[in-house]
């Protein structure tokens, strides 16, 4: 889902407690992107800003939407089952499937679904 939402082969996120996320400026639009989650988009340009599983205490914020993304450093890779080999270089970071995300299994169970599979 993220590659389609971002129009790219991958997307970088960091997560924060949803209660701690505050917006400094601009309007956002909430998009129900699936039966499991919602995304917040920039109300002016449509840039993807967040991803949040329903009921999750944490929210994923897109790194590229930050004013200064250079301060971010990746700690691991998630959703590696949908990785595109031609665009993936070994970097030594821990790699995890979506099922290993703490919020994914709970959301899938609530929606009666199964984890996405690689294409």
PDB file of N, CA and C in Angstrom:
ATOM      1  N   UNK A   1       0.815  -1.200   0.000  1.00  0.00           N
ATOM      2  CA  UNK A   1       0.000   0.000   0.000  1.00  0.00           C
ATOM      3  C   UNK A   1       0.856   1.261   0.000  1.00  0.00           C
ATOM      4  N   UNK A   2       1.919   1.321   0.815  1.00  0.00           N
ATOM      5  CA  UNK A   2       2.739   2.533   0.874  1.00  0.00           C
ATOM      6  C   UNK A   2       3.335   2.936  -0.468  1.00  0.00           C
ATOM      7  N   UNK A   3       3.869   1.984  -1.261  1.00  0.00           N
ATOM      8  CA  UNK A   3       4.418   2.415  -2.553  1.00  0.00           C
ATOM      9  C   UNK A   3       3.379   3.108  -3.425  1.00  0.00           C
ATOM     10  N   UNK A   4       2.155   2.633  -3.404  1.00  0.00           N
ATOM     11  CA  UNK A   4       1.116   3.289  -4.211  1.00  0.00           C
ATOM     12  C   UNK A   4       0.747   4.646  -3.629  1.00  0.00           C
ATOM     13  N   UNK A   5       0.660   4.731  -2.316  1.00  0.00           N
ATOM     14  CA  UNK A   5       0.293   5.999  -1.684  1.00  0.00           C
ATOM     15  C   UNK A   5       1.364   7.060  -1.916  1.00  0.00           C
ATOM     16  N   UNK A   6       2.629   6.629  -1.972  1.00  0.00           N
ATOM     17  CA  UNK A   6       3.728   7.562  -2.148  1.00  0.00           C
ATOM     18  C   UNK A   6       4.164   7.691  -3.602  1.00  0.00           C
ATOM     19  N   UNK A   7       3.706   6.790  -4.465  1.00  0.00           N
ATOM     20  CA  UNK A   7       4.139   6.821  -5.853  1.00  0.00           C
ATOM     21  C   UNK A   7       5.621   6.511  -5.973  1.00  0.00           C
ATOM     22  N   UNK A   8       6.097   5.594  -5.129  1.00  0.00           N
ATOM     23  CA  UNK A   8       7.502   5.246  -5.116  1.00  0.00           C
ATOM     24  C   UNK A   8       7.641   3.786  -4.689  1.00  0.00           C
ATOM     25  N   UNK A   9       8.845   3.236  -4.748  1.00  0.00           N
ATOM     26  CA  UNK A   9       9.042   1.830  -4.398  1.00  0.00           C
ATOM     27  C   UNK A   9       9.127   1.611  -2.898  1.00  0.00           C
ATOM     28  N   UNK A  10       9.285   2.666  -2.128  1.00  0.00           N
ATOM     29  CA  UNK A  10       9.302   2.542  -0.672  1.00  0.00           C
ATOM     30  C   UNK A  10       8.976   3.892  -0.043  1.00  0.00           C
ATOM     31  N   UNK A  11       8.769   3.866   1.259  1.00  0.00           N
ATOM     32  CA  UNK A  11       8.487   5.084   2.013  1.00  0.00           C
ATOM     33  C   UNK A  11       9.149   4.961   3.377  1.00  0.00           C
ATOM     34  N   UNK A  12       9.683   6.057   3.879  1.00  0.00           N
ATOM     35  CA  UNK A  12      10.334   6.062   5.190  1.00  0.00           C
ATOM     36  C   UNK A  12       9.417   6.711   6.218  1.00  0.00           C
ATOM     37  N   UNK A  13       9.272   6.030   7.358  1.00  0.00           N
ATOM     38  CA  UNK A  13       8.437   6.525   8.454  1.00  0.00           C
ATOM     39  C   UNK A  13       9.206   6.469   9.764  1.00  0.00           C
ATOM     40  N   UNK A  14       8.773   7.234  10.729  1.00  0.00           N
ATOM     41  CA  UNK A  14       9.182   7.067  12.119  1.00  0.00           C
ATOM     42  C   UNK A  14       7.895   7.099  12.925  1.00  0.00           C
ATOM     43  N   UNK A  15       7.899   6.481  14.093  1.00  0.00           N
ATOM     44  CA  UNK A  15       6.649   6.463  14.836  1.00  0.00           C
ATOM     45  C   UNK A  15       6.765   7.219  16.154  1.00  0.00           C
ATOM     46  N   UNK A  16       5.650   7.770  16.556  1.00  0.00           N
ATOM     47  CA  UNK A  16       5.537   8.524  17.808  1.00  0.00           C
ATOM     48  C   UNK A  16       4.217   8.147  18.458  1.00  0.00           C
ATOM     49  N   UNK A  17       4.114   8.426  19.738  1.00  0.00           N
ATOM     50  CA  UNK A  17       2.826   8.238  20.411  1.00  0.00           C
ATOM     51  C   UNK A  17       1.829   9.189  19.762  1.00  0.00           C
ATOM     52  N   UNK A  18       0.673   8.681  19.397  1.00  0.00           N
ATOM     53  CA  UNK A  18      -0.334   9.510  18.714  1.00  0.00           C
ATOM     54  C   UNK A  18      -0.688  10.736  19.554  1.00  0.00           C
ATOM     55  N   UNK A  19      -0.721  10.570  20.866  1.00  0.00           N
ATOM     56  CA  UNK A  19      -1.071  11.684  21.750  1.00  0.00           C
ATOM     57  C   UNK A  19      -0.014  12.791  21.722  1.00  0.00           C
ATOM     58  N   UNK A  20       1.212  12.459  21.309  1.00  0.00           N
ATOM     59  CA  UNK A  20       2.301  13.444  21.283  1.00  0.00           C
ATOM     60  C   UNK A  20       2.446  14.165  19.958  1.00  0.00           C
ATOM     61  N   UNK A  21       1.709  13.753  18.934  1.00  0.00           N
ATOM     62  CA  UNK A  21       1.838  14.371  17.618  1.00  0.00           C
ATOM     63  C   UNK A  21       1.029  15.662  17.574  1.00  0.00           C
ATOM     64  N   UNK A  22       1.713  16.740  17.234  1.00  0.00           N
ATOM     65  CA  UNK A  22       1.057  18.047  17.109  1.00  0.00           C
ATOM     66  C   UNK A  22       1.478  18.657  15.780  1.00  0.00           C
ATOM     67  N   UNK A  23       0.582  19.414  15.180  1.00  0.00           N
ATOM     68  CA  UNK A  23       0.864  20.044  13.895  1.00  0.00           C
ATOM     69  C   UNK A  23       1.152  21.514  14.117  1.00  0.00           C
ATOM     70  N   UNK A  24       2.222  21.999  13.511  1.00  0.00           N
ATOM     71  CA  UNK A  24       2.622  23.386  13.675  1.00  0.00           C
ATOM     72  C   UNK A  24       1.875  24.309  12.717  1.00  0.00           C
ATOM     73  N   UNK A  25       1.521  23.772  11.560  1.00  0.00           N
ATOM     74  CA  UNK A  25       0.845  24.634  10.579  1.00  0.00           C
ATOM     75  C   UNK A  25       0.154  23.771   9.527  1.00  0.00           C
ATOM     76  N   UNK A  26      -0.726  24.390   8.789  1.00  0.00           N
ATOM     77  CA  UNK A  26      -1.382  23.722   7.672  1.00  0.00           C
ATOM     78  C   UNK A  26      -2.541  22.836   8.074  1.00  0.00           C
ATOM     79  N   UNK A  27      -3.397  22.611   7.114  1.00  0.00           N
ATOM     80  CA  UNK A  27      -4.557  21.737   7.311  1.00  0.00           C
ATOM     81  C   UNK A  27      -4.247  20.363   6.743  1.00  0.00           C
ATOM     82  N   UNK A  28      -4.797  19.340   7.367  1.00  0.00           N
ATOM     83  CA  UNK A  28      -4.620  17.977   6.893  1.00  0.00           C
ATOM     84  C   UNK A  28      -5.981  17.369   6.572  1.00  0.00           C
ATOM     85  N   UNK A  29      -5.947  16.379   5.697  1.00  0.00           N
ATOM     86  CA  UNK A  29      -7.152  15.626   5.367  1.00  0.00           C
ATOM     87  C   UNK A  29      -6.943  14.190   5.808  1.00  0.00           C
ATOM     88  N   UNK A  30      -7.981  13.603   6.387  1.00  0.00           N
ATOM     89  CA  UNK A  30      -7.923  12.222   6.827  1.00  0.00           C
ATOM     90  C   UNK A  30      -8.491  11.340   5.727  1.00  0.00           C
ATOM     91  N   UNK A  31      -7.764  10.285   5.381  1.00  0.00           N
ATOM     92  CA  UNK A  31      -8.169   9.366   4.326  1.00  0.00           C
ATOM     93  C   UNK A  31      -8.263   7.963   4.893  1.00  0.00           C
ATOM     94  N   UNK A  32      -9.401   7.334   4.730  1.00  0.00           N
ATOM     95  CA  UNK A  32      -9.560   5.929   5.108  1.00  0.00           C
ATOM     96  C   UNK A  32      -8.960   5.141   3.961  1.00  0.00           C
ATOM     97  N   UNK A  33      -7.700   4.670   4.127  1.00  0.00           N
ATOM     98  CA  UNK A  33      -7.002   4.029   3.024  1.00  0.00           C
ATOM     99  C   UNK A  33      -7.265   2.538   2.930  1.00  0.00           C
ATOM    100  N   UNK A  34      -7.816   1.932   3.977  1.00  0.00           N
ATOM    101  CA  UNK A  34      -8.153   0.512   3.958  1.00  0.00           C
ATOM    102  C   UNK A  34      -9.102   0.229   5.110  1.00  0.00           C
ATOM    103  N   UNK A  35      -9.515  -1.015   5.238  1.00  0.00           N
ATOM    104  CA  UNK A  35     -10.361  -1.402   6.363  1.00  0.00           C
ATOM    105  C   UNK A  35      -9.572  -1.441   7.663  1.00  0.00           C
ATOM    106  N   UNK A  36      -8.254  -1.311   7.586  1.00  0.00           N
ATOM    107  CA  UNK A  36      -7.385  -1.443   8.754  1.00  0.00           C
ATOM    108  C   UNK A  36      -6.798  -0.140   9.265  1.00  0.00           C
ATOM    109  N   UNK A  37      -6.735   0.865   8.415  1.00  0.00           N
ATOM    110  CA  UNK A  37      -5.946   2.032   8.777  1.00  0.00           C
ATOM    111  C   UNK A  37      -6.432   3.293   8.086  1.00  0.00           C
ATOM    112  N   UNK A  38      -5.851   4.401   8.550  1.00  0.00           N
ATOM    113  CA  UNK A  38      -6.122   5.680   7.915  1.00  0.00           C
ATOM    114  C   UNK A  38      -4.821   6.440   7.728  1.00  0.00           C
ATOM    115  N   UNK A  39      -4.851   7.334   6.775  1.00  0.00           N
ATOM    116  CA  UNK A  39      -3.691   8.174   6.473  1.00  0.00           C
ATOM    117  C   UNK A  39      -4.108   9.628   6.587  1.00  0.00           C
ATOM    118  N   UNK A  40      -3.157  10.444   6.950  1.00  0.00           N
ATOM    119  CA  UNK A  40      -3.374  11.882   6.979  1.00  0.00           C
ATOM    120  C   UNK A  40      -2.532  12.472   5.859  1.00  0.00           C
ATOM    121  N   UNK A  41      -3.151  13.333   5.060  1.00  0.00           N
ATOM    122  CA  UNK A  41      -2.494  13.957   3.909  1.00  0.00           C
ATOM    123  C   UNK A  41      -2.462  15.463   4.094  1.00  0.00           C
ATOM    124  N   UNK A  42      -1.481  16.106   3.483  1.00  0.00           N
ATOM    125  CA  UNK A  42      -1.440  17.562   3.468  1.00  0.00           C
ATOM    126  C   UNK A  42      -2.678  18.061   2.732  1.00  0.00           C
ATOM    127  N   UNK A  43      -3.429  18.952   3.345  1.00  0.00           N
ATOM    128  CA  UNK A  43      -4.648  19.471   2.747  1.00  0.00           C
ATOM    129  C   UNK A  43      -4.409  20.358   1.545  1.00  0.00           C
ATOM    130  N   UNK A  44      -3.184  20.867   1.408  1.00  0.00           N
ATOM    131  CA  UNK A  44      -2.868  21.760   0.292  1.00  0.00           C
ATOM    132  C   UNK A  44      -2.290  21.014  -0.911  1.00  0.00           C
ATOM    133  N   UNK A  45      -1.356  20.066  -0.657  1.00  0.00           N
ATOM    134  CA  UNK A  45      -0.667  19.395  -1.753  1.00  0.00           C
ATOM    135  C   UNK A  45      -0.926  17.896  -1.846  1.00  0.00           C
ATOM    136  N   UNK A  46      -1.549  17.311  -0.845  1.00  0.00           N
ATOM    137  CA  UNK A  46      -1.830  15.882  -0.876  1.00  0.00           C
ATOM    138  C   UNK A  46      -0.674  14.997  -0.466  1.00  0.00           C
ATOM    139  N   UNK A  47       0.404  15.583   0.037  1.00  0.00           N
ATOM    140  CA  UNK A  47       1.562  14.812   0.471  1.00  0.00           C
ATOM    141  C   UNK A  47       1.172  13.868   1.607  1.00  0.00           C
ATOM    142  N   UNK A  48       1.545  12.585   1.529  1.00  0.00           N
ATOM    143  CA  UNK A  48       1.264  11.669   2.642  1.00  0.00           C
ATOM    144  C   UNK A  48       2.041  12.095   3.893  1.00  0.00           C
ATOM    145  N   UNK A  49       1.329  12.255   5.007  1.00  0.00           N
ATOM    146  CA  UNK A  49       1.954  12.697   6.256  1.00  0.00           C
ATOM    147  C   UNK A  49       2.037  11.596   7.304  1.00  0.00           C
ATOM    148  N   UNK A  50       0.953  10.828   7.461  1.00  0.00           N
ATOM    149  CA  UNK A  50       0.928   9.809   8.515  1.00  0.00           C
ATOM    150  C   UNK A  50       0.227   8.544   8.050  1.00  0.00           C
ATOM    151  N   UNK A  51       0.480   7.487   8.802  1.00  0.00           N
ATOM    152  CA  UNK A  51      -0.216   6.210   8.652  1.00  0.00           C
ATOM    153  C   UNK A  51      -0.498   5.719  10.068  1.00  0.00           C
ATOM    154  N   UNK A  52      -1.735   5.251  10.304  1.00  0.00           N
ATOM    155  CA  UNK A  52      -2.080   4.760  11.641  1.00  0.00           C
ATOM    156  C   UNK A  52      -3.090   3.627  11.530  1.00  0.00           C
ATOM    157  N   UNK A  53      -2.726   2.477  12.113  1.00  0.00           N
ATOM    158  CA  UNK A  53      -3.688   1.386  12.227  1.00  0.00           C
ATOM    159  C   UNK A  53      -4.804   1.820  13.164  1.00  0.00           C
ATOM    160  N   UNK A  54      -6.024   1.404  12.890  1.00  0.00           N
ATOM    161  CA  UNK A  54      -7.150   1.731  13.752  1.00  0.00           C
ATOM    162  C   UNK A  54      -6.865   1.286  15.182  1.00  0.00           C
ATOM    163  N   UNK A  55      -7.085   2.173  16.122  1.00  0.00           N
ATOM    164  CA  UNK A  55      -6.926   1.856  17.528  1.00  0.00           C
ATOM    165  C   UNK A  55      -5.494   1.830  18.032  1.00  0.00           C
ATOM    166  N   UNK A  56      -4.521   2.068  17.176  1.00  0.00           N
ATOM    167  CA  UNK A  56      -3.117   2.022  17.595  1.00  0.00           C
ATOM    168  C   UNK A  56      -2.767   3.240  18.446  1.00  0.00           C
ATOM    169  N   UNK A  57      -1.931   3.016  19.432  1.00  0.00           N
ATOM    170  CA  UNK A  57      -1.483   4.101  20.304  1.00  0.00           C
ATOM    171  C   UNK A  57      -0.377   4.928  19.652  1.00  0.00           C
ATOM    172  N   UNK A  58       0.249   4.358  18.620  1.00  0.00           N
ATOM    173  CA  UNK A  58       1.341   5.048  17.951  1.00  0.00           C
ATOM    174  C   UNK A  58       0.944   5.360  16.511  1.00  0.00           C
ATOM    175  N   UNK A  59       1.558   6.378  15.968  1.00  0.00           N
ATOM    176  CA  UNK A  59       1.264   6.810  14.603  1.00  0.00           C
ATOM    177  C   UNK A  59       2.579   6.932  13.842  1.00  0.00           C
ATOM    178  N   UNK A  60       2.587   6.520  12.593  1.00  0.00           N
ATOM    179  CA  UNK A  60       3.771   6.611  11.742  1.00  0.00           C
ATOM    180  C   UNK A  60       3.734   7.919  10.975  1.00  0.00           C
ATOM    181  N   UNK A  61       4.810   8.664  11.036  1.00  0.00           N
ATOM    182  CA  UNK A  61       4.920   9.952  10.356  1.00  0.00           C
ATOM    183  C   UNK A  61       5.928   9.805   9.225  1.00  0.00           C
ATOM    184  N   UNK A  62       5.620  10.327   8.051  1.00  0.00           N
ATOM    185  CA  UNK A  62       6.533  10.203   6.913  1.00  0.00           C
ATOM    186  C   UNK A  62       7.742  11.118   7.101  1.00  0.00           C
ATOM    187  N   UNK A  63       8.917  10.541   6.924  1.00  0.00           N
ATOM    188  CA  UNK A  63      10.160  11.284   7.108  1.00  0.00           C
ATOM    189  C   UNK A  63      10.267  12.423   6.095  1.00  0.00           C
ATOM    190  N   UNK A  64       9.910  12.156   4.847  1.00  0.00           N
ATOM    191  CA  UNK A  64      10.074  13.159   3.797  1.00  0.00           C
ATOM    192  C   UNK A  64       9.177  14.380   3.979  1.00  0.00           C
ATOM    193  N   UNK A  65       8.175  14.293   4.834  1.00  0.00           N
ATOM    194  CA  UNK A  65       7.306  15.443   5.049  1.00  0.00           C
ATOM    195  C   UNK A  65       7.830  16.386   6.144  1.00  0.00           C
ATOM    196  N   UNK A  66       8.932  16.023   6.778  1.00  0.00           N
ATOM    197  CA  UNK A  66       9.523  16.894   7.798  1.00  0.00           C
ATOM    198  C   UNK A  66      10.189  18.107   7.164  1.00  0.00           C
ATOM    199  N   UNK A  67      10.261  19.188   7.895  1.00  0.00           N
ATOM    200  CA  UNK A  67      10.965  20.372   7.400  1.00  0.00           C
ATOM    201  C   UNK A  67      12.442  20.070   7.170  1.00  0.00           C
ATOM    202  N   UNK A  68      13.042  19.234   8.048  1.00  0.00           N
ATOM    203  CA  UNK A  68      14.448  18.864   7.893  1.00  0.00           C
ATOM    204  C   UNK A  68      14.595  17.367   8.161  1.00  0.00           C
ATOM    205  N   UNK A  69      14.465  16.572   7.118  1.00  0.00           N
ATOM    206  CA  UNK A  69      14.528  15.106   7.256  1.00  0.00           C
ATOM    207  C   UNK A  69      15.947  14.605   7.488  1.00  0.00           C
ATOM    208  N   UNK A  70      16.953  15.449   7.340  1.00  0.00           N
ATOM    209  CA  UNK A  70      18.336  15.019   7.527  1.00  0.00           C
ATOM    210  C   UNK A  70      18.630  14.575   8.955  1.00  0.00           C
ATOM    211  N   UNK A  71      17.796  14.950   9.909  1.00  0.00           N
ATOM    212  CA  UNK A  71      18.042  14.577  11.305  1.00  0.00           C
ATOM    213  C   UNK A  71      17.659  13.124  11.587  1.00  0.00           C
ATOM    214  N   UNK A  72      16.945  12.487  10.674  1.00  0.00           N
ATOM    215  CA  UNK A  72      16.463  11.121  10.880  1.00  0.00           C
ATOM    216  C   UNK A  72      17.486  10.099  10.391  1.00  0.00           C
ATOM    217  N   UNK A  73      17.607   8.992  11.128  1.00  0.00           N
ATOM    218  CA  UNK A  73      18.464   7.878  10.735  1.00  0.00           C
ATOM    219  C   UNK A  73      17.662   6.589  10.879  1.00  0.00           C
ATOM    220  N   UNK A  74      17.674   5.722   9.864  1.00  0.00           N
ATOM    221  CA  UNK A  74      16.892   4.478   9.973  1.00  0.00           C
ATOM    222  C   UNK A  74      17.494   3.533  11.004  1.00  0.00           C
ATOM    223  N   UNK A  75      16.608   2.793  11.699  1.00  0.00           N
ATOM    224  CA  UNK A  75      17.038   1.814  12.698  1.00  0.00           C
ATOM    225  C   UNK A  75      16.735   0.390  12.238  1.00  0.00           C
ATOM    226  N   UNK A  76      15.754   0.236  11.339  1.00  0.00           N
ATOM    227  CA  UNK A  76      15.372  -1.084  10.836  1.00  0.00           C
ATOM    228  C   UNK A  76      14.544  -0.901   9.578  1.00  0.00           C
ATOM    229  N   UNK A  77      14.287  -1.995   8.892  1.00  0.00           N
ATOM    230  CA  UNK A  77      13.431  -2.023   7.694  1.00  0.00           C
ATOM    231  C   UNK A  77      12.188  -2.826   8.028  1.00  0.00           C
ATOM    232  N   UNK A  78      11.030  -2.330   7.623  1.00  0.00           N
ATOM    233  CA  UNK A  78       9.756  -3.010   7.853  1.00  0.00           C
ATOM    234  C   UNK A  78       9.077  -3.238   6.511  1.00  0.00           C
ATOM    235  N   UNK A  79       8.256  -4.248   6.414  1.00  0.00           N
ATOM    236  CA  UNK A  79       7.537  -4.596   5.186  1.00  0.00           C
ATOM    237  C   UNK A  79       8.489  -5.133   4.118  1.00  0.00           C
ATOM    238  N   UNK A  80       9.502  -5.865   4.539  1.00  0.00           N
ATOM    239  CA  UNK A  80      10.494  -6.353   3.587  1.00  0.00           C
ATOM    240  C   UNK A  80       9.925  -7.382   2.623  1.00  0.00           C
ATOM    241  N   UNK A  81       8.756  -7.930   2.925  1.00  0.00           N
ATOM    242  CA  UNK A  81       8.151  -8.894   2.000  1.00  0.00           C
ATOM    243  C   UNK A  81       7.727  -8.236   0.689  1.00  0.00           C
ATOM    244  N   UNK A  82       7.588  -6.919   0.679  1.00  0.00           N
ATOM    245  CA  UNK A  82       7.215  -6.229  -0.554  1.00  0.00           C
ATOM    246  C   UNK A  82       8.391  -5.446  -1.152  1.00  0.00           C
ATOM    247  N   UNK A  83       9.574  -5.719  -0.679  1.00  0.00           N
ATOM    248  CA  UNK A  83      10.789  -5.055  -1.167  1.00  0.00           C
ATOM    249  C   UNK A  83      10.991  -5.341  -2.649  1.00  0.00           C
ATOM    250  N   UNK A  84      11.447  -4.363  -3.386  1.00  0.00           N
ATOM    251  CA  UNK A  84      11.785  -4.503  -4.799  1.00  0.00           C
ATOM    252  C   UNK A  84      13.299  -4.669  -4.895  1.00  0.00           C
ATOM    253  N   UNK A  85      13.793  -5.865  -5.211  1.00  0.00           N
ATOM    254  CA  UNK A  85      15.241  -6.130  -5.192  1.00  0.00           C
ATOM    255  C   UNK A  85      16.068  -5.134  -6.007  1.00  0.00           C
ATOM    256  N   UNK A  86      15.567  -4.696  -7.133  1.00  0.00           N
ATOM    257  CA  UNK A  86      16.344  -3.775  -7.965  1.00  0.00           C
ATOM    258  C   UNK A  86      16.583  -2.431  -7.282  1.00  0.00           C
ATOM    259  N   UNK A  87      15.775  -2.123  -6.266  1.00  0.00           N
ATOM    260  CA  UNK A  87      15.886  -0.841  -5.572  1.00  0.00           C
ATOM    261  C   UNK A  87      16.323  -1.000  -4.123  1.00  0.00           C
ATOM    262  N   UNK A  88      16.813  -2.172  -3.756  1.00  0.00           N
ATOM    263  CA  UNK A  88      17.215  -2.445  -2.378  1.00  0.00           C
ATOM    264  C   UNK A  88      18.688  -2.794  -2.313  1.00  0.00           C
ATOM    265  N   UNK A  89      19.426  -2.025  -1.572  1.00  0.00           N
ATOM    266  CA  UNK A  89      20.848  -2.292  -1.379  1.00  0.00           C
ATOM    267  C   UNK A  89      21.054  -2.786   0.052  1.00  0.00           C
ATOM    268  N   UNK A  90      21.862  -3.824   0.242  1.00  0.00           N
ATOM    269  CA  UNK A  90      22.130  -4.299   1.603  1.00  0.00           C
ATOM    270  C   UNK A  90      22.730  -3.173   2.449  1.00  0.00           C
ATOM    271  N   UNK A  91      22.171  -2.969   3.635  1.00  0.00           N
ATOM    272  CA  UNK A  91      22.672  -1.898   4.493  1.00  0.00           C
ATOM    273  C   UNK A  91      22.956  -2.369   5.922  1.00  0.00           C
ATOM    274  N   UNK A  92      22.711  -3.664   6.189  1.00  0.00           N
ATOM    275  CA  UNK A  92      23.003  -4.203   7.504  1.00  0.00           C
ATOM    276  C   UNK A  92      21.964  -3.917   8.563  1.00  0.00           C
ATOM    277  N   UNK A  93      20.905  -3.190   8.216  1.00  0.00           N
ATOM    278  CA  UNK A  93      19.863  -2.897   9.205  1.00  0.00           C
ATOM    279  C   UNK A  93      18.985  -4.127   9.425  1.00  0.00           C
ATOM    280  N   UNK A  94      18.446  -4.307  10.637  1.00  0.00           N
ATOM    281  CA  UNK A  94      17.508  -5.404  10.869  1.00  0.00           C
ATOM    282  C   UNK A  94      16.307  -5.271   9.924  1.00  0.00           C
ATOM    283  N   UNK A  95      15.832  -6.402   9.411  1.00  0.00           N
ATOM    284  CA  UNK A  95      14.712  -6.407   8.460  1.00  0.00           C
ATOM    285  C   UNK A  95      13.568  -7.228   9.026  1.00  0.00           C
ATOM    286  N   UNK A  96      12.341  -6.698   8.930  1.00  0.00           N
ATOM    287  CA  UNK A  96      11.174  -7.345   9.516  1.00  0.00           C
ATOM    288  C   UNK A  96      10.010  -7.367   8.527  1.00  0.00           C
ATOM    289  N   UNK A  97       9.230  -8.422   8.582  1.00  0.00           N
ATOM    290  CA  UNK A  97       7.996  -8.513   7.792  1.00  0.00           C
ATOM    291  C   UNK A  97       6.904  -7.713   8.494  1.00  0.00           C
ATOM    292  N   UNK A  98       5.874  -7.349   7.751  1.00  0.00           N
ATOM    293  CA  UNK A  98       4.785  -6.542   8.305  1.00  0.00           C
ATOM    294  C   UNK A  98       4.125  -7.223   9.502  1.00  0.00           C
ATOM    295  N   UNK A  99       4.077  -8.551   9.493  1.00  0.00           N
ATOM    296  CA  UNK A  99       3.457  -9.270  10.607  1.00  0.00           C
ATOM    297  C   UNK A  99       4.176  -9.026  11.928  1.00  0.00           C
ATOM    298  N   UNK A 100       5.432  -8.571  11.868  1.00  0.00           N
ATOM    299  CA  UNK A 100       6.204  -8.304  13.077  1.00  0.00           C
ATOM    300  C   UNK A 100       5.927  -6.923  13.663  1.00  0.00           C
ATOM    301  N   UNK A 101       5.179  -6.103  12.962  1.00  0.00           N
ATOM    302  CA  UNK A 101       4.785  -4.803  13.485  1.00  0.00           C
ATOM    303  C   UNK A 101       3.783  -5.028  14.614  1.00  0.00           C
ATOM    304  N   UNK A 102       3.963  -4.403  15.776  1.00  0.00           N
ATOM    305  CA  UNK A 102       3.059  -4.676  16.893  1.00  0.00           C
ATOM    306  C   UNK A 102       1.590  -4.351  16.612  1.00  0.00           C
ATOM    307  N   UNK A 103       1.327  -3.365  15.761  1.00  0.00           N
ATOM    308  CA  UNK A 103      -0.056  -2.970  15.509  1.00  0.00           C
ATOM    309  C   UNK A 103      -0.726  -3.732  14.381  1.00  0.00           C
ATOM    310  N   UNK A 104       0.042  -4.311  13.476  1.00  0.00           N
ATOM    311  CA  UNK A 104      -0.530  -4.984  12.316  1.00  0.00           C
ATOM    312  C   UNK A 104      -1.397  -6.191  12.677  1.00  0.00           C
ATOM    313  N   UNK A 105      -0.906  -7.165  13.446  1.00  0.00           N
ATOM    314  CA  UNK A 105      -1.743  -8.336  13.735  1.00  0.00           C
ATOM    315  C   UNK A 105      -3.057  -7.977  14.430  1.00  0.00           C
ATOM    316  N   UNK A 106      -3.001  -7.022  15.352  1.00  0.00           N
ATOM    317  CA  UNK A 106      -4.219  -6.612  16.070  1.00  0.00           C
ATOM    318  C   UNK A 106      -5.222  -5.994  15.097  1.00  0.00           C
ATOM    319  N   UNK A 107      -4.742  -5.164  14.183  1.00  0.00           N
ATOM    320  CA  UNK A 107      -5.630  -4.529  13.210  1.00  0.00           C
ATOM    321  C   UNK A 107      -6.197  -5.547  12.230  1.00  0.00           C
ATOM    322  N   UNK A 108      -5.362  -6.475  11.800  1.00  0.00           N
ATOM    323  CA  UNK A 108      -5.822  -7.506  10.875  1.00  0.00           C
ATOM    324  C   UNK A 108      -6.911  -8.361  11.514  1.00  0.00           C
ATOM    325  N   UNK A 109      -6.699  -8.733  12.756  1.00  0.00           N
ATOM    326  CA  UNK A 109      -7.694  -9.552  13.454  1.00  0.00           C
ATOM    327  C   UNK A 109      -9.014  -8.807  13.585  1.00  0.00           C
ATOM    328  N   UNK A 110      -8.937  -7.515  13.873  1.00  0.00           N
ATOM    329  CA  UNK A 110     -10.147  -6.713  14.019  1.00  0.00           C
ATOM    330  C   UNK A 110     -10.913  -6.555  12.720  1.00  0.00           C
ATOM    331  N   UNK A 111     -10.201  -6.610  11.607  1.00  0.00           N
ATOM    332  CA  UNK A 111     -10.845  -6.443  10.300  1.00  0.00           C
ATOM    333  C   UNK A 111     -11.113  -7.773   9.622  1.00  0.00           C
ATOM    334  N   UNK A 112     -10.736  -8.876  10.285  1.00  0.00           N
ATOM    335  CA  UNK A 112     -10.953 -10.192   9.699  1.00  0.00           C
ATOM    336  C   UNK A 112     -10.099 -10.437   8.484  1.00  0.00           C
ATOM    337  N   UNK A 113      -8.924  -9.842   8.439  1.00  0.00           N
ATOM    338  CA  UNK A 113      -8.069  -9.954   7.256  1.00  0.00           C
ATOM    339  C   UNK A 113      -6.798 -10.730   7.512  1.00  0.00           C
ATOM    340  N   UNK A 114      -5.976 -10.752   6.499  1.00  0.00           N
ATOM    341  CA  UNK A 114      -4.672 -11.398   6.566  1.00  0.00           C
ATOM    342  C   UNK A 114      -3.610 -10.396   6.141  1.00  0.00           C
ATOM    343  N   UNK A 115      -2.399 -10.660   6.531  1.00  0.00           N
ATOM    344  CA  UNK A 115      -1.304  -9.760   6.198  1.00  0.00           C
ATOM    345  C   UNK A 115      -1.104  -9.703   4.681  1.00  0.00           C
ATOM    346  N   UNK A 116      -0.688  -8.554   4.168  1.00  0.00           N
ATOM    347  CA  UNK A 116      -0.443  -8.438   2.728  1.00  0.00           C
ATOM    348  C   UNK A 116       0.695  -9.354   2.306  1.00  0.00           C
ATOM    349  N   UNK A 117       0.642  -9.802   1.099  1.00  0.00           N
ATOM    350  CA  UNK A 117       1.682 -10.683   0.548  1.00  0.00           C
ATOM    351  C   UNK A 117       2.464  -9.936  -0.515  1.00  0.00           C
ATOM    352  N   UNK A 118       3.678 -10.342  -0.713  1.00  0.00           N
ATOM    353  CA  UNK A 118       4.526  -9.732  -1.732  1.00  0.00           C
ATOM    354  C   UNK A 118       3.913  -9.922  -3.104  1.00  0.00           C
ATOM    355  N   UNK A 119       4.126  -8.948  -3.956  1.00  0.00           N
ATOM    356  CA  UNK A 119       3.633  -9.036  -5.329  1.00  0.00           C
ATOM    357  C   UNK A 119       4.714  -9.516  -6.243  1.00  0.00           C
TER     358      UNK A 119
END
